[in-house]
Amino acid sequence: MKKFLLLLILSCLLASPAFAQYTAQKEAQYIATLKAVTDYKINDAENLKNVQKLREDARFNRRLSKMLEKLQNTRTKDSRNQRIYDILLKAGEEIYKELD
């Protein structure tokens, strides 16, 4: 019985890093899917003209730069960064499941 419990505890401890790795890979898949679909849709004929106008709009670009300054990839524990990441992850997951 003691050996069984020891094996059970060891298997749980060893499975935890494997599960974390699996979760990290799924998150990466969702984020990569979101980026790929976004890039694809930006170049869509219906969107390309308006996106090009935005790229040339200095006011929009300044505003966008200020918004992006609020984010940092090094501060993932920050609540704003975490909320944004969660939103992106959820959107990527939904798109991934829709297209899969």
C-alpha atoms as a PDB file:
ATOM      1  CA  MET A   1       0.000   0.000   0.000  1.00  0.00           C
ATOM      2  CA  LYS A   2       2.842   2.405   0.861  1.00  0.00           C
ATOM      3  CA  LYS A   3       4.514   1.661  -2.465  1.00  0.00           C
ATOM      4  CA  PHE A   4       1.264   2.330  -4.280  1.00  0.00           C
ATOM      5  CA  LEU A   5       0.811   5.696  -2.546  1.00  0.00           C
ATOM      6  CA  LEU A   6       4.429   6.601  -3.243  1.00  0.00           C
ATOM      7  CA  LEU A   7       3.999   5.750  -6.920  1.00  0.00           C
ATOM      8  CA  LEU A   8       0.751   7.687  -7.047  1.00  0.00           C
ATOM      9  CA  ILE A   9       2.356  10.774  -5.510  1.00  0.00           C
ATOM     10  CA  LEU A  10       5.383  10.527  -7.818  1.00  0.00           C
ATOM     11  CA  SER A  11       3.182  10.158 -10.893  1.00  0.00           C
ATOM     12  CA  CYS A  12       1.197  13.256  -9.879  1.00  0.00           C
ATOM     13  CA  LEU A  13       4.384  15.245  -9.381  1.00  0.00           C
ATOM     14  CA  LEU A  14       5.785  14.137 -12.716  1.00  0.00           C
ATOM     15  CA  ALA A  15       2.512  14.749 -14.542  1.00  0.00           C
ATOM     16  CA  SER A  16       2.261  18.321 -13.319  1.00  0.00           C
ATOM     17  CA  PRO A  17       5.178  19.656 -15.429  1.00  0.00           C
ATOM     18  CA  ALA A  18       3.881  17.687 -18.414  1.00  0.00           C
ATOM     19  CA  PHE A  19       0.454  19.272 -18.006  1.00  0.00           C
ATOM     20  CA  ALA A  20       2.010  22.734 -17.693  1.00  0.00           C
ATOM     21  CA  GLN A  21       3.992  22.116 -20.889  1.00  0.00           C
ATOM     22  CA  TYR A  22       0.837  20.941 -22.667  1.00  0.00           C
ATOM     23  CA  THR A  23      -1.046  24.031 -21.489  1.00  0.00           C
ATOM     24  CA  ALA A  24       1.757  26.334 -22.624  1.00  0.00           C
ATOM     25  CA  GLN A  25       1.759  24.675 -26.049  1.00  0.00           C
ATOM     26  CA  LYS A  26      -2.010  25.091 -26.377  1.00  0.00           C
ATOM     27  CA  GLU A  27      -1.742  28.766 -25.405  1.00  0.00           C
ATOM     28  CA  ALA A  28       0.996  29.238 -27.997  1.00  0.00           C
ATOM     29  CA  GLN A  29      -1.213  27.566 -30.619  1.00  0.00           C
ATOM     30  CA  TYR A  30      -4.092  29.899 -29.833  1.00  0.00           C
ATOM     31  CA  ILE A  31      -1.948  33.041 -29.925  1.00  0.00           C
ATOM     32  CA  ALA A  32      -0.260  31.934 -33.175  1.00  0.00           C
ATOM     33  CA  THR A  33      -3.659  31.155 -34.712  1.00  0.00           C
ATOM     34  CA  LEU A  34      -4.967  34.567 -33.699  1.00  0.00           C
ATOM     35  CA  LYS A  35      -1.972  36.310 -35.289  1.00  0.00           C
ATOM     36  CA  ALA A  36      -2.180  34.272 -38.499  1.00  0.00           C
ATOM     37  CA  VAL A  37      -5.912  34.897 -38.921  1.00  0.00           C
ATOM     38  CA  THR A  38      -5.504  38.595 -38.089  1.00  0.00           C
ATOM     39  CA  ASP A  39      -2.727  38.964 -40.665  1.00  0.00           C
ATOM     40  CA  TYR A  40      -4.852  37.112 -43.200  1.00  0.00           C
ATOM     41  CA  LYS A  41      -7.943  39.255 -42.589  1.00  0.00           C
ATOM     42  CA  ILE A  42      -5.982  42.536 -42.619  1.00  0.00           C
ATOM     43  CA  ASN A  43      -4.890  41.686 -46.155  1.00  0.00           C
ATOM     44  CA  ASP A  44      -8.449  40.857 -47.174  1.00  0.00           C
ATOM     45  CA  ALA A  45      -9.575  43.010 -50.095  1.00  0.00           C
ATOM     46  CA  GLU A  46     -12.445  44.463 -48.045  1.00  0.00           C
ATOM     47  CA  ASN A  47     -10.191  45.511 -45.169  1.00  0.00           C
ATOM     48  CA  LEU A  48      -6.950  46.428 -46.929  1.00  0.00           C
ATOM     49  CA  LYS A  49      -8.075  49.879 -48.071  1.00  0.00           C
ATOM     50  CA  ASN A  50      -9.241  50.927 -44.600  1.00  0.00           C
ATOM     51  CA  VAL A  51      -6.201  49.420 -42.906  1.00  0.00           C
ATOM     52  CA  GLN A  52      -3.940  51.348 -45.278  1.00  0.00           C
ATOM     53  CA  LYS A  53      -5.762  54.568 -44.380  1.00  0.00           C
ATOM     54  CA  LEU A  54      -5.198  53.841 -40.691  1.00  0.00           C
ATOM     55  CA  ARG A  55      -1.507  53.171 -41.301  1.00  0.00           C
ATOM     56  CA  GLU A  56      -1.227  56.630 -42.840  1.00  0.00           C
ATOM     57  CA  ASP A  57      -3.275  58.324 -40.106  1.00  0.00           C
ATOM     58  CA  ALA A  58      -0.738  60.040 -37.821  1.00  0.00           C
ATOM     59  CA  ARG A  59      -3.305  60.684 -35.087  1.00  0.00           C
ATOM     60  CA  PHE A  60      -4.335  57.032 -34.975  1.00  0.00           C
ATOM     61  CA  ASN A  61      -0.705  55.899 -34.958  1.00  0.00           C
ATOM     62  CA  ARG A  62       0.127  58.185 -32.025  1.00  0.00           C
ATOM     63  CA  ARG A  63      -2.889  56.937 -30.102  1.00  0.00           C
ATOM     64  CA  LEU A  64      -2.036  53.320 -30.872  1.00  0.00           C
ATOM     65  CA  SER A  65       1.556  53.858 -29.744  1.00  0.00           C
ATOM     66  CA  LYS A  66       0.341  55.300 -26.446  1.00  0.00           C
ATOM     67  CA  MET A  67      -1.943  52.320 -25.952  1.00  0.00           C
ATOM     68  CA  LEU A  68       0.853  49.865 -26.674  1.00  0.00           C
ATOM     69  CA  GLU A  69       3.146  51.636 -24.214  1.00  0.00           C
ATOM     70  CA  LYS A  70       0.791  50.458 -21.483  1.00  0.00           C
ATOM     71  CA  LEU A  71       1.726  46.867 -22.278  1.00  0.00           C
ATOM     72  CA  GLN A  72       4.959  45.087 -21.525  1.00  0.00           C
ATOM     73  CA  ASN A  73       5.851  41.522 -22.344  1.00  0.00           C
ATOM     74  CA  THR A  74       8.147  41.386 -19.338  1.00  0.00           C
ATOM     75  CA  ARG A  75       5.374  42.196 -16.823  1.00  0.00           C
ATOM     76  CA  THR A  76       2.963  39.327 -17.437  1.00  0.00           C
ATOM     77  CA  LYS A  77       1.906  39.391 -13.790  1.00  0.00           C
ATOM     78  CA  ASP A  78       0.591  42.944 -14.183  1.00  0.00           C
ATOM     79  CA  SER A  79      -3.212  42.866 -14.086  1.00  0.00           C
ATOM     80  CA  ARG A  80      -3.682  44.842 -17.320  1.00  0.00           C
ATOM     81  CA  ASN A  81      -1.207  42.680 -19.208  1.00  0.00           C
ATOM     82  CA  GLN A  82      -2.859  39.545 -17.842  1.00  0.00           C
ATOM     83  CA  ARG A  83      -6.355  40.737 -18.823  1.00  0.00           C
ATOM     84  CA  ILE A  84      -5.191  41.570 -22.354  1.00  0.00           C
ATOM     85  CA  TYR A  85      -3.422  38.214 -22.632  1.00  0.00           C
ATOM     86  CA  ASP A  86      -6.550  36.404 -21.442  1.00  0.00           C
ATOM     87  CA  ILE A  87      -8.682  38.243 -24.019  1.00  0.00           C
ATOM     88  CA  LEU A  88      -6.251  37.351 -26.804  1.00  0.00           C
ATOM     89  CA  LEU A  89      -6.015  33.767 -25.643  1.00  0.00           C
ATOM     90  CA  LYS A  90      -9.796  33.368 -25.536  1.00  0.00           C
ATOM     91  CA  ALA A  91     -10.189  34.884 -29.005  1.00  0.00           C
ATOM     92  CA  GLY A  92      -7.432  32.655 -30.376  1.00  0.00           C
ATOM     93  CA  GLU A  93      -9.004  29.585 -28.800  1.00  0.00           C
ATOM     94  CA  GLU A  94     -12.421  30.394 -30.273  1.00  0.00           C
ATOM     95  CA  ILE A  95     -10.948  30.956 -33.735  1.00  0.00           C
ATOM     96  CA  TYR A  96      -8.825  27.813 -33.475  1.00  0.00           C
ATOM     97  CA  LYS A  97     -11.867  25.713 -32.548  1.00  0.00           C
ATOM     98  CA  GLU A  98     -14.001  27.346 -35.260  1.00  0.00           C
ATOM     99  CA  LEU A  99     -11.457  26.611 -37.990  1.00  0.00           C
ATOM    100  CA  ASP A 100     -10.318  23.187 -36.760  1.00  0.00           C
END
